[in-house]
Amino acid sequence: MHGRICSAWADVPSVLKDKIQWTFAPISTEQASGDWLSWNAAGKLPQQDGVLHVSVTEADGSSRTPLLESDALDLRPNACGPGDMVVLSRSTTSDNRLSVWRLNTVTRNPAVVVRERRSG
């Protein structure tokens, strides 16, 4: 038996009553998406997929765009501050060290905020 994870969205009425007809729609039909999901102030969804890459989509899951290009493992993108800002953890395959990155999902100007230090 295999489990299935599904992230979905629905229009929510401004007044919640006891007899609401909910209509949910999946954010993605891809097998490896939606392992981690956040919602930023601009209404976009930064998300991590099952192979540890991050992307951003519209609120309904359309227009998926990778946030960072490389062979690094990107983890847990979280909305941060106003507009399109996101923070995430990243581990490159060359040194296997975690670092925290900040970037704007529109301009794609990444900046390292914190690097893991190794003793010795």
C-alpha atoms as a PDB file:
ATOM      1  CA  MET A   1       0.000   0.000   0.000  1.00  0.00           C
ATOM      2  CA  HIS A   2       1.339   3.423  -0.970  1.00  0.00           C
ATOM      3  CA  GLY A   3       0.320   6.717   0.569  1.00  0.00           C
ATOM      4  CA  ARG A   4      -0.335   9.758  -1.523  1.00  0.00           C
ATOM      5  CA  ILE A   5       0.204  13.369  -0.586  1.00  0.00           C
ATOM      6  CA  CYS A   6      -1.933  16.007  -2.222  1.00  0.00           C
ATOM      7  CA  SER A   7      -1.828  19.770  -1.793  1.00  0.00           C
ATOM      8  CA  ALA A   8      -5.055  21.438  -2.823  1.00  0.00           C
ATOM      9  CA  TRP A   9      -6.696  24.840  -2.887  1.00  0.00           C
ATOM     10  CA  ALA A  10     -10.299  26.004  -2.754  1.00  0.00           C
ATOM     11  CA  ASP A  11     -12.181  29.290  -2.869  1.00  0.00           C
ATOM     12  CA  VAL A  12     -13.205  30.105   0.691  1.00  0.00           C
ATOM     13  CA  PRO A  13     -16.348  32.176   1.250  1.00  0.00           C
ATOM     14  CA  SER A  14     -16.004  35.301   3.377  1.00  0.00           C
ATOM     15  CA  VAL A  15     -18.631  33.961   5.798  1.00  0.00           C
ATOM     16  CA  LEU A  16     -18.255  30.354   6.929  1.00  0.00           C
ATOM     17  CA  LYS A  17     -21.558  28.558   7.458  1.00  0.00           C
ATOM     18  CA  ASP A  18     -22.384  24.978   8.348  1.00  0.00           C
ATOM     19  CA  LYS A  19     -23.446  23.973   4.813  1.00  0.00           C
ATOM     20  CA  ILE A  20     -20.538  25.000   2.602  1.00  0.00           C
ATOM     21  CA  GLN A  21     -20.029  23.145  -0.657  1.00  0.00           C
ATOM     22  CA  TRP A  22     -16.234  22.857  -0.835  1.00  0.00           C
ATOM     23  CA  THR A  23     -14.668  22.357  -4.242  1.00  0.00           C
ATOM     24  CA  PHE A  24     -10.986  21.496  -3.943  1.00  0.00           C
ATOM     25  CA  ALA A  25      -8.516  21.462  -6.826  1.00  0.00           C
ATOM     26  CA  PRO A  26      -5.018  19.952  -6.692  1.00  0.00           C
ATOM     27  CA  ILE A  27      -2.137  22.412  -6.827  1.00  0.00           C
ATOM     28  CA  SER A  28      -0.159  19.893  -8.858  1.00  0.00           C
ATOM     29  CA  THR A  29      -0.670  16.548 -10.519  1.00  0.00           C
ATOM     30  CA  GLU A  30       3.068  15.800 -10.518  1.00  0.00           C
ATOM     31  CA  GLN A  31       4.192  12.809  -8.454  1.00  0.00           C
ATOM     32  CA  ALA A  32       7.085  14.573  -6.705  1.00  0.00           C
ATOM     33  CA  SER A  33       5.691  18.010  -5.861  1.00  0.00           C
ATOM     34  CA  GLY A  34       4.298  19.524  -2.700  1.00  0.00           C
ATOM     35  CA  ASP A  35       6.598  18.008  -0.058  1.00  0.00           C
ATOM     36  CA  TRP A  36       6.900  21.468   1.505  1.00  0.00           C
ATOM     37  CA  LEU A  37       4.674  24.426   0.768  1.00  0.00           C
ATOM     38  CA  SER A  38       4.538  28.071   1.826  1.00  0.00           C
ATOM     39  CA  TRP A  39       2.440  31.053   0.746  1.00  0.00           C
ATOM     40  CA  ASN A  40       4.130  34.418   0.255  1.00  0.00           C
ATOM     41  CA  ALA A  41       2.687  37.928   0.502  1.00  0.00           C
ATOM     42  CA  ALA A  42       2.527  38.198  -3.300  1.00  0.00           C
ATOM     43  CA  GLY A  43       0.153  35.199  -3.399  1.00  0.00           C
ATOM     44  CA  LYS A  44       2.709  32.764  -4.842  1.00  0.00           C
ATOM     45  CA  LEU A  45       3.513  29.267  -3.554  1.00  0.00           C
ATOM     46  CA  PRO A  46       7.199  28.514  -2.934  1.00  0.00           C
ATOM     47  CA  GLN A  47       7.430  24.720  -2.699  1.00  0.00           C
ATOM     48  CA  GLN A  48       9.886  21.848  -2.397  1.00  0.00           C
ATOM     49  CA  ASP A  49       9.433  18.706  -4.450  1.00  0.00           C
ATOM     50  CA  GLY A  50      10.277  15.087  -3.662  1.00  0.00           C
ATOM     51  CA  VAL A  51      13.748  15.332  -5.209  1.00  0.00           C
ATOM     52  CA  LEU A  52      14.694  18.345  -3.037  1.00  0.00           C
ATOM     53  CA  HIS A  53      14.429  21.159  -5.538  1.00  0.00           C
ATOM     54  CA  VAL A  54      12.395  24.319  -5.011  1.00  0.00           C
ATOM     55  CA  SER A  55      10.118  26.202  -7.336  1.00  0.00           C
ATOM     56  CA  VAL A  56       7.425  28.855  -7.159  1.00  0.00           C
ATOM     57  CA  THR A  57       3.953  28.637  -8.667  1.00  0.00           C
ATOM     58  CA  GLU A  58       0.804  30.694  -8.852  1.00  0.00           C
ATOM     59  CA  ALA A  59      -1.706  30.010  -6.048  1.00  0.00           C
ATOM     60  CA  ASP A  60      -3.489  27.425  -8.218  1.00  0.00           C
ATOM     61  CA  GLY A  61      -0.235  25.562  -8.956  1.00  0.00           C
ATOM     62  CA  SER A  62       0.209  26.856 -12.501  1.00  0.00           C
ATOM     63  CA  SER A  63       3.339  28.467 -13.973  1.00  0.00           C
ATOM     64  CA  ARG A  64       5.925  26.406 -12.061  1.00  0.00           C
ATOM     65  CA  THR A  65       9.330  28.121 -12.165  1.00  0.00           C
ATOM     66  CA  PRO A  66      12.498  26.742 -10.528  1.00  0.00           C
ATOM     67  CA  LEU A  67      13.961  29.160  -7.968  1.00  0.00           C
ATOM     68  CA  LEU A  68      17.618  28.117  -8.178  1.00  0.00           C
ATOM     69  CA  GLU A  69      19.485  26.237 -10.889  1.00  0.00           C
ATOM     70  CA  SER A  70      22.136  23.654  -9.923  1.00  0.00           C
ATOM     71  CA  ASP A  71      22.684  20.215  -8.491  1.00  0.00           C
ATOM     72  CA  ALA A  72      22.266  21.482  -4.913  1.00  0.00           C
ATOM     73  CA  LEU A  73      19.613  20.089  -2.587  1.00  0.00           C
ATOM     74  CA  ASP A  74      17.152  22.832  -1.670  1.00  0.00           C
ATOM     75  CA  LEU A  75      14.993  22.476   1.410  1.00  0.00           C
ATOM     76  CA  ARG A  76      11.924  24.089   2.947  1.00  0.00           C
ATOM     77  CA  PRO A  77      11.338  27.356   1.113  1.00  0.00           C
ATOM     78  CA  ASN A  78       9.478  29.744   3.406  1.00  0.00           C
ATOM     79  CA  ALA A  79       7.868  33.066   2.632  1.00  0.00           C
ATOM     80  CA  CYS A  80       9.700  35.828   4.444  1.00  0.00           C
ATOM     81  CA  GLY A  81       8.754  39.477   4.684  1.00  0.00           C
ATOM     82  CA  PRO A  82       6.918  41.525   2.096  1.00  0.00           C
ATOM     83  CA  GLY A  83       6.229  40.569  -1.486  1.00  0.00           C
ATOM     84  CA  ASP A  84       8.271  37.882  -3.162  1.00  0.00           C
ATOM     85  CA  MET A  85      10.976  37.153  -0.575  1.00  0.00           C
ATOM     86  CA  VAL A  86      11.784  33.521   0.315  1.00  0.00           C
ATOM     87  CA  VAL A  87      14.332  31.876   2.611  1.00  0.00           C
ATOM     88  CA  LEU A  88      15.469  28.279   2.185  1.00  0.00           C
ATOM     89  CA  SER A  89      18.152  25.835   3.269  1.00  0.00           C
ATOM     90  CA  ARG A  90      20.612  24.588   0.658  1.00  0.00           C
ATOM     91  CA  SER A  91      23.240  21.873   0.597  1.00  0.00           C
ATOM     92  CA  THR A  92      25.644  21.636  -2.304  1.00  0.00           C
ATOM     93  CA  THR A  93      26.901  18.235  -3.357  1.00  0.00           C
ATOM     94  CA  SER A  94      30.499  19.501  -3.430  1.00  0.00           C
ATOM     95  CA  ASP A  95      30.829  20.201   0.306  1.00  0.00           C
ATOM     96  CA  ASN A  96      27.629  18.757   1.826  1.00  0.00           C
ATOM     97  CA  ARG A  97      27.212  21.769   4.133  1.00  0.00           C
ATOM     98  CA  LEU A  98      23.931  23.491   4.824  1.00  0.00           C
ATOM     99  CA  SER A  99      23.485  27.187   4.273  1.00  0.00           C
ATOM    100  CA  VAL A 100      20.502  29.504   4.528  1.00  0.00           C
ATOM    101  CA  TRP A 101      19.709  31.559   1.442  1.00  0.00           C
ATOM    102  CA  ARG A 102      17.402  34.520   0.863  1.00  0.00           C
ATOM    103  CA  LEU A 103      16.095  35.462  -2.551  1.00  0.00           C
ATOM    104  CA  ASN A 104      13.415  37.361  -4.351  1.00  0.00           C
ATOM    105  CA  THR A 105      11.347  34.954  -6.462  1.00  0.00           C
ATOM    106  CA  VAL A 106      10.951  37.546  -9.227  1.00  0.00           C
ATOM    107  CA  THR A 107      14.455  39.009  -9.568  1.00  0.00           C
ATOM    108  CA  ARG A 108      16.278  35.768  -8.605  1.00  0.00           C
ATOM    109  CA  ASN A 109      19.032  37.551  -6.682  1.00  0.00           C
ATOM    110  CA  PRO A 110      20.101  34.902  -4.147  1.00  0.00           C
ATOM    111  CA  ALA A 111      22.206  35.795  -1.127  1.00  0.00           C
ATOM    112  CA  VAL A 112      23.722  33.505   1.490  1.00  0.00           C
ATOM    113  CA  VAL A 113      22.503  34.520   4.937  1.00  0.00           C
ATOM    114  CA  VAL A 114      24.200  31.831   7.074  1.00  0.00           C
ATOM    115  CA  ARG A 115      26.776  29.126   6.247  1.00  0.00           C
ATOM    116  CA  GLU A 116      27.287  25.988   8.321  1.00  0.00           C
ATOM    117  CA  ARG A 117      30.674  25.937   9.987  1.00  0.00           C
ATOM    118  CA  ARG A 118      32.670  22.790  10.592  1.00  0.00           C
ATOM    119  CA  SER A 119      34.970  22.525  13.582  1.00  0.00           C
ATOM    120  CA  GLY A 120      38.518  21.292  13.142  1.00  0.00           C
END
